[in-house]
Amino acid sequence: MFRAHTPIIELQHMVFCTDTTINFYCNYPLEHKIAAYRFHIERMFTLPLGEEQRQVEWESIKQMERNNNYPINLLQKLKQRIQRKLSHPTLPSKNSDTKWTTFTDSTPQIKKITNIFKQTNVKIAYKTNNTILRLTRPTTNTPIPPHANSGVYALTCNTWKQVYVGQTGRSLKLRYQEHIRYIKNNNPQSAYALHVLQNRHEYGPLNQTMHLLKPINSTSSLIPYERFYIQSLHQGKKLIPEQSPGDPNPLFQLSLTLTTPPT
């Protein structure tokens, strides 16, 4: 009579941990900093390790904690929370309707907001926009059409080839449409509309009639630059007679004498 003996194989689980994690002094959310430690502690409890092996692994995790400047009691509290969670698992509710939302910042103000939702079905996750894909993606600089800018512009009379100078804080296209509406409604509210209606001159489409002289975003600079170009074009006899040049500015005159008009 023969008896077969099954060899007993003892499996020893050795958990390897890197000594490099997010340093405690780095400007990251605390959830990000302790994520690696949470993973190692949960794995320490879930793997079939003996007490001695589990203690060795715990010492290894604590060494990582010391190497990365974490407070002494931080992992101890995290370990206790994970141990309680694993020993008393909560069954998922059948009626739970969990929703997730993300934040891209971790300031104290954001923490106060997220704490409001801790006891609700809304879960919070953090993300960053500084991803490798975003940082290495080629930039596409789409040029802005000139007539989408604001600033100082010139409207040309197609008959006399003289110009009207104006300024707008909106897009040039909108301002051009207003001038054309004045002409079509026989309403000379601008010097350009008065010139066209009074002399029965011709005007052209936007891209042929209106030209951007100086793109300006600051509203406080619109009038000074407008006055400069009016004086400059009036001096060159290119301004329509319906537009009053006003009194000449000595500073503008000095600039026109020494340099060309700014671009």
Protein backbone atom coordinates (compact mmCIF):
# COMPACT_ATOMS: atom_id res chain seq x y z
CA MET A 1 0.00 0.00 0.00
CA PHE A 2 1.51 3.27 -1.09
CA ARG A 3 0.74 6.73 0.31
CA ALA A 4 1.39 9.79 -1.83
CA HIS A 5 2.91 12.70 0.05
CA THR A 6 2.04 16.15 -1.32
CA PRO A 7 4.98 18.48 -0.82
CA ILE A 8 4.18 21.55 1.24
CA ILE A 9 5.37 24.75 -0.43
CA GLU A 10 5.62 27.83 1.76
CA LEU A 11 5.13 31.09 -0.10
CA GLN A 12 6.79 34.09 1.37
CA HIS A 13 5.46 37.44 0.20
CA MET A 14 8.06 40.14 0.04
CA VAL A 15 6.73 43.61 -0.63
CA PHE A 16 9.24 45.92 -2.26
CA CYS A 17 8.82 49.67 -1.71
CA THR A 18 10.69 52.50 -3.27
CA ASP A 19 12.16 55.10 -0.98
CA THR A 20 10.97 57.92 -3.23
CA THR A 21 7.48 59.35 -2.81
CA ILE A 22 6.11 62.88 -2.93
CA ASN A 23 7.96 64.86 -0.30
CA PHE A 24 5.79 66.22 2.48
CA TYR A 25 7.03 69.77 1.84
CA CYS A 26 5.96 69.71 -1.82
CA ASN A 27 2.99 71.85 -2.79
CA TYR A 28 0.57 69.00 -3.53
CA PRO A 29 -2.78 68.13 -2.00
CA LEU A 30 -2.43 65.90 1.05
CA GLU A 31 -4.51 63.24 -0.71
CA HIS A 32 -1.85 63.05 -3.42
CA LYS A 33 0.99 62.88 -0.91
CA ILE A 34 -0.38 59.97 1.09
CA ALA A 35 -1.74 58.02 -1.90
CA ALA A 36 1.39 55.83 -2.16
CA TYR A 37 1.40 55.15 1.60
CA ARG A 38 -2.29 54.30 1.53
CA PHE A 39 -1.63 51.78 -1.23
CA HIS A 40 1.29 50.13 0.61
CA ILE A 41 -0.60 49.96 3.93
CA GLU A 42 -3.71 48.45 2.33
CA ARG A 43 -1.55 45.92 0.50
CA MET A 44 0.24 45.08 3.74
CA PHE A 45 -3.08 44.17 5.36
CA THR A 46 -4.65 42.38 2.39
CA LEU A 47 -1.71 40.14 1.42
CA PRO A 48 -1.46 36.85 3.39
CA LEU A 49 1.61 37.87 5.40
CA GLY A 50 2.62 36.56 8.77
CA GLU A 51 2.82 38.92 11.72
CA GLU A 52 6.60 39.07 11.53
CA GLN A 53 6.57 39.78 7.80
CA ARG A 54 3.86 42.40 8.27
CA GLN A 55 5.94 44.12 10.94
CA VAL A 56 8.99 44.15 8.63
CA GLU A 57 6.91 45.72 5.91
CA TRP A 58 5.51 48.30 8.33
CA GLU A 59 9.03 49.30 9.33
CA SER A 60 9.90 49.71 5.65
CA ILE A 61 6.91 52.01 5.13
CA LYS A 62 7.85 54.07 8.19
CA GLN A 63 11.38 54.42 6.82
CA MET A 64 9.91 55.88 3.62
CA GLU A 65 7.91 58.27 5.79
CA ARG A 66 11.04 59.49 7.56
CA ASN A 67 13.01 59.80 4.31
CA ASN A 68 10.35 62.11 2.86
CA ASN A 69 9.86 64.33 5.94
CA TYR A 70 6.36 63.21 6.92
CA PRO A 71 5.13 63.80 10.49
CA ILE A 72 5.68 60.79 12.73
CA ASN A 73 2.03 60.24 13.62
CA LEU A 74 0.56 60.80 10.15
CA LEU A 75 1.00 57.24 8.89
CA GLN A 76 0.05 55.80 12.27
CA LYS A 77 -3.35 57.48 12.03
CA LEU A 78 -3.68 56.44 8.39
CA LYS A 79 -2.88 52.84 9.34
CA GLN A 80 -5.54 52.85 12.06
CA ARG A 81 -8.18 54.22 9.69
CA ILE A 82 -7.38 51.62 7.04
CA GLN A 83 -7.37 48.82 9.63
CA ARG A 84 -10.80 49.86 10.91
CA LYS A 85 -12.12 50.12 7.36
CA LEU A 86 -10.90 46.64 6.45
CA SER A 87 -12.15 45.04 9.65
CA HIS A 88 -15.58 46.68 9.38
CA PRO A 89 -16.34 46.90 5.65
CA THR A 90 -19.42 48.89 4.70
CA LEU A 91 -21.78 47.38 2.19
CA PRO A 92 -22.56 49.63 -0.76
CA SER A 93 -26.06 51.04 -0.69
CA LYS A 94 -28.32 49.84 -3.46
CA ASN A 95 -29.86 53.29 -3.78
CA SER A 96 -26.57 55.17 -3.84
CA ASP A 97 -26.20 57.52 -6.76
CA THR A 98 -22.57 58.59 -6.47
CA LYS A 99 -21.45 61.53 -8.54
CA TRP A 100 -17.89 62.68 -9.08
CA THR A 101 -16.59 66.17 -9.58
CA THR A 102 -13.05 67.43 -10.11
CA PHE A 103 -11.10 70.47 -8.96
CA THR A 104 -7.86 71.73 -10.44
CA ASP A 105 -6.62 73.43 -7.27
CA SER A 106 -5.98 72.51 -3.65
CA THR A 107 -6.07 75.84 -1.85
CA PRO A 108 -7.56 76.16 1.67
CA GLN A 109 -10.67 77.71 0.12
CA ILE A 110 -11.16 74.68 -2.12
CA LYS A 111 -10.70 72.38 0.88
CA LYS A 112 -13.48 74.21 2.72
CA ILE A 113 -15.79 73.73 -0.26
CA THR A 114 -14.98 70.05 -0.67
CA ASN A 115 -15.49 69.37 3.05
CA ILE A 116 -19.15 70.33 2.64
CA PHE A 117 -19.71 67.30 0.38
CA LYS A 118 -18.01 64.70 2.61
CA GLN A 119 -21.29 63.30 3.94
CA THR A 120 -23.05 63.37 0.57
CA ASN A 121 -23.02 61.24 -2.56
CA VAL A 122 -20.75 63.74 -4.29
CA LYS A 123 -17.14 62.56 -4.39
CA ILE A 124 -14.24 64.93 -4.96
CA ALA A 125 -11.18 64.28 -7.11
CA TYR A 126 -8.26 66.55 -7.91
CA LYS A 127 -6.59 66.93 -11.26
CA THR A 128 -3.93 69.10 -12.84
CA ASN A 129 -3.77 70.87 -16.15
CA ASN A 130 0.05 70.62 -16.29
CA THR A 131 0.05 67.20 -17.95
CA ILE A 132 2.86 66.02 -20.21
CA LEU A 133 0.43 65.94 -23.15
CA ARG A 134 -0.62 69.54 -22.55
CA LEU A 135 2.93 70.81 -22.04
CA THR A 136 4.32 69.06 -25.13
CA ARG A 137 1.40 69.82 -27.45
CA PRO A 138 2.40 72.22 -30.27
CA THR A 139 0.92 75.65 -29.82
CA THR A 140 -1.36 76.91 -32.55
CA ASN A 141 -1.22 80.67 -32.79
CA THR A 142 -4.32 81.58 -34.75
CA PRO A 143 -3.83 85.09 -36.16
CA ILE A 144 -6.54 87.57 -35.22
CA PRO A 145 -8.08 89.30 -38.26
CA PRO A 146 -7.27 93.03 -38.27
CA HIS A 147 -10.94 93.98 -38.27
CA ALA A 148 -11.54 91.98 -35.10
CA ASN A 149 -9.26 94.34 -33.16
CA SER A 150 -10.06 97.59 -31.42
CA GLY A 151 -8.03 100.75 -31.85
CA VAL A 152 -7.55 103.67 -34.22
CA TYR A 153 -8.74 103.18 -37.80
CA ALA A 154 -8.99 104.99 -41.13
CA LEU A 155 -11.99 104.98 -43.50
CA THR A 156 -11.13 105.73 -47.13
CA CYS A 157 -13.28 107.66 -49.61
CA ASN A 158 -13.05 105.70 -52.84
CA THR A 159 -13.65 108.83 -54.92
CA TRP A 160 -11.13 111.27 -53.46
CA LYS A 161 -8.89 108.68 -51.79
CA GLN A 162 -8.91 110.78 -48.62
CA VAL A 163 -9.50 109.27 -45.18
CA TYR A 164 -11.49 109.72 -42.03
CA VAL A 165 -9.78 108.80 -38.73
CA GLY A 166 -11.72 107.30 -35.84
CA GLN A 167 -11.27 105.18 -32.75
CA THR A 168 -13.30 102.41 -31.13
CA GLY A 169 -13.00 100.13 -28.12
CA ARG A 170 -15.00 97.46 -29.96
CA SER A 171 -14.10 95.55 -33.11
CA LEU A 172 -13.49 97.54 -36.26
CA LYS A 173 -16.09 95.45 -38.07
CA LEU A 174 -18.86 96.66 -35.76
CA ARG A 175 -17.79 100.28 -36.16
CA TYR A 176 -17.69 99.93 -39.96
CA GLN A 177 -21.25 98.55 -39.95
CA GLU A 178 -22.39 101.61 -37.96
CA HIS A 179 -20.83 104.05 -40.48
CA ILE A 180 -22.46 102.21 -43.40
CA ARG A 181 -25.80 102.21 -41.59
CA TYR A 182 -25.57 106.01 -41.19
CA ILE A 183 -25.02 106.34 -44.95
CA LYS A 184 -27.84 103.98 -45.93
CA ASN A 185 -30.27 105.71 -43.55
CA ASN A 186 -29.18 109.17 -44.79
CA ASN A 187 -28.13 110.01 -41.24
CA PRO A 188 -24.82 111.95 -41.19
CA GLN A 189 -23.88 111.21 -37.58
CA SER A 190 -20.19 110.79 -38.46
CA ALA A 191 -17.92 112.98 -40.56
CA TYR A 192 -17.37 110.06 -42.93
CA ALA A 193 -21.12 109.59 -43.50
CA LEU A 194 -21.48 113.35 -43.98
CA HIS A 195 -18.67 113.36 -46.57
CA VAL A 196 -20.17 110.49 -48.59
CA LEU A 197 -23.75 111.81 -48.46
CA GLN A 198 -22.90 115.45 -49.08
CA ASN A 199 -20.55 114.81 -52.02
CA ARG A 200 -22.24 111.63 -53.31
CA HIS A 201 -18.94 109.83 -53.14
CA GLU A 202 -18.40 106.10 -53.11
CA TYR A 203 -17.36 103.76 -50.34
CA GLY A 204 -16.20 100.16 -50.63
CA PRO A 205 -16.39 96.89 -48.70
CA LEU A 206 -14.82 96.46 -45.28
CA ASN A 207 -11.47 95.04 -46.39
CA GLN A 208 -10.96 97.84 -48.94
CA THR A 209 -12.39 100.80 -47.04
CA MET A 210 -11.32 100.39 -43.40
CA HIS A 211 -7.71 100.03 -42.27
CA LEU A 212 -6.34 99.54 -38.76
CA LEU A 213 -3.81 102.28 -37.97
CA LYS A 214 -3.02 101.28 -34.40
CA PRO A 215 -4.38 98.28 -32.43
CA ILE A 216 -5.17 99.47 -28.90
CA ASN A 217 -6.76 97.60 -26.01
CA SER A 218 -6.46 100.37 -23.40
CA THR A 219 -9.38 102.79 -23.68
CA SER A 220 -7.32 105.60 -22.12
CA SER A 221 -4.95 105.52 -25.13
CA LEU A 222 -7.60 105.65 -27.84
CA ILE A 223 -8.17 109.44 -27.96
CA PRO A 224 -4.46 110.48 -27.80
CA TYR A 225 -3.56 108.15 -30.68
CA GLU A 226 -6.63 109.26 -32.64
CA ARG A 227 -5.61 112.91 -32.26
CA PHE A 228 -2.06 112.07 -33.32
CA TYR A 229 -3.15 110.37 -36.54
CA ILE A 230 -5.67 113.12 -37.33
CA GLN A 231 -2.92 115.73 -37.03
CA SER A 232 -0.49 113.58 -39.01
CA LEU A 233 -2.89 112.91 -41.92
CA HIS A 234 -4.18 116.48 -41.94
CA GLN A 235 -0.62 117.71 -42.25
CA GLY A 236 -0.13 115.35 -45.19
CA LYS A 237 -3.37 116.66 -46.80
CA LYS A 238 -4.95 113.22 -46.65
CA LEU A 239 -7.83 114.00 -44.26
CA ILE A 240 -11.37 114.57 -45.53
CA PRO A 241 -12.41 118.22 -45.13
CA GLU A 242 -15.50 117.30 -43.07
CA GLN A 243 -13.28 116.11 -40.19
CA SER A 244 -11.94 118.93 -38.05
CA PRO A 245 -8.27 118.50 -37.17
CA GLY A 246 -8.54 120.67 -34.06
CA ASP A 247 -5.69 122.71 -32.63
CA PRO A 248 -2.25 121.27 -33.39
CA ASN A 249 -0.51 119.60 -30.47
CA PRO A 250 3.12 120.77 -30.07
CA LEU A 251 4.23 117.37 -28.77
CA PHE A 252 2.62 115.61 -31.73
CA GLN A 253 4.22 118.12 -34.07
CA LEU A 254 7.64 117.49 -32.53
CA SER A 255 7.14 113.76 -32.91
CA LEU A 256 6.06 114.17 -36.54
CA THR A 257 9.12 116.28 -37.23
CA LEU A 258 11.60 113.84 -35.67
CA THR A 259 10.02 110.48 -36.42
CA THR A 260 7.45 108.74 -38.52
CA PRO A 261 3.97 107.97 -37.07
CA PRO A 262 4.05 105.14 -34.52
CA THR A 263 3.04 101.68 -35.71
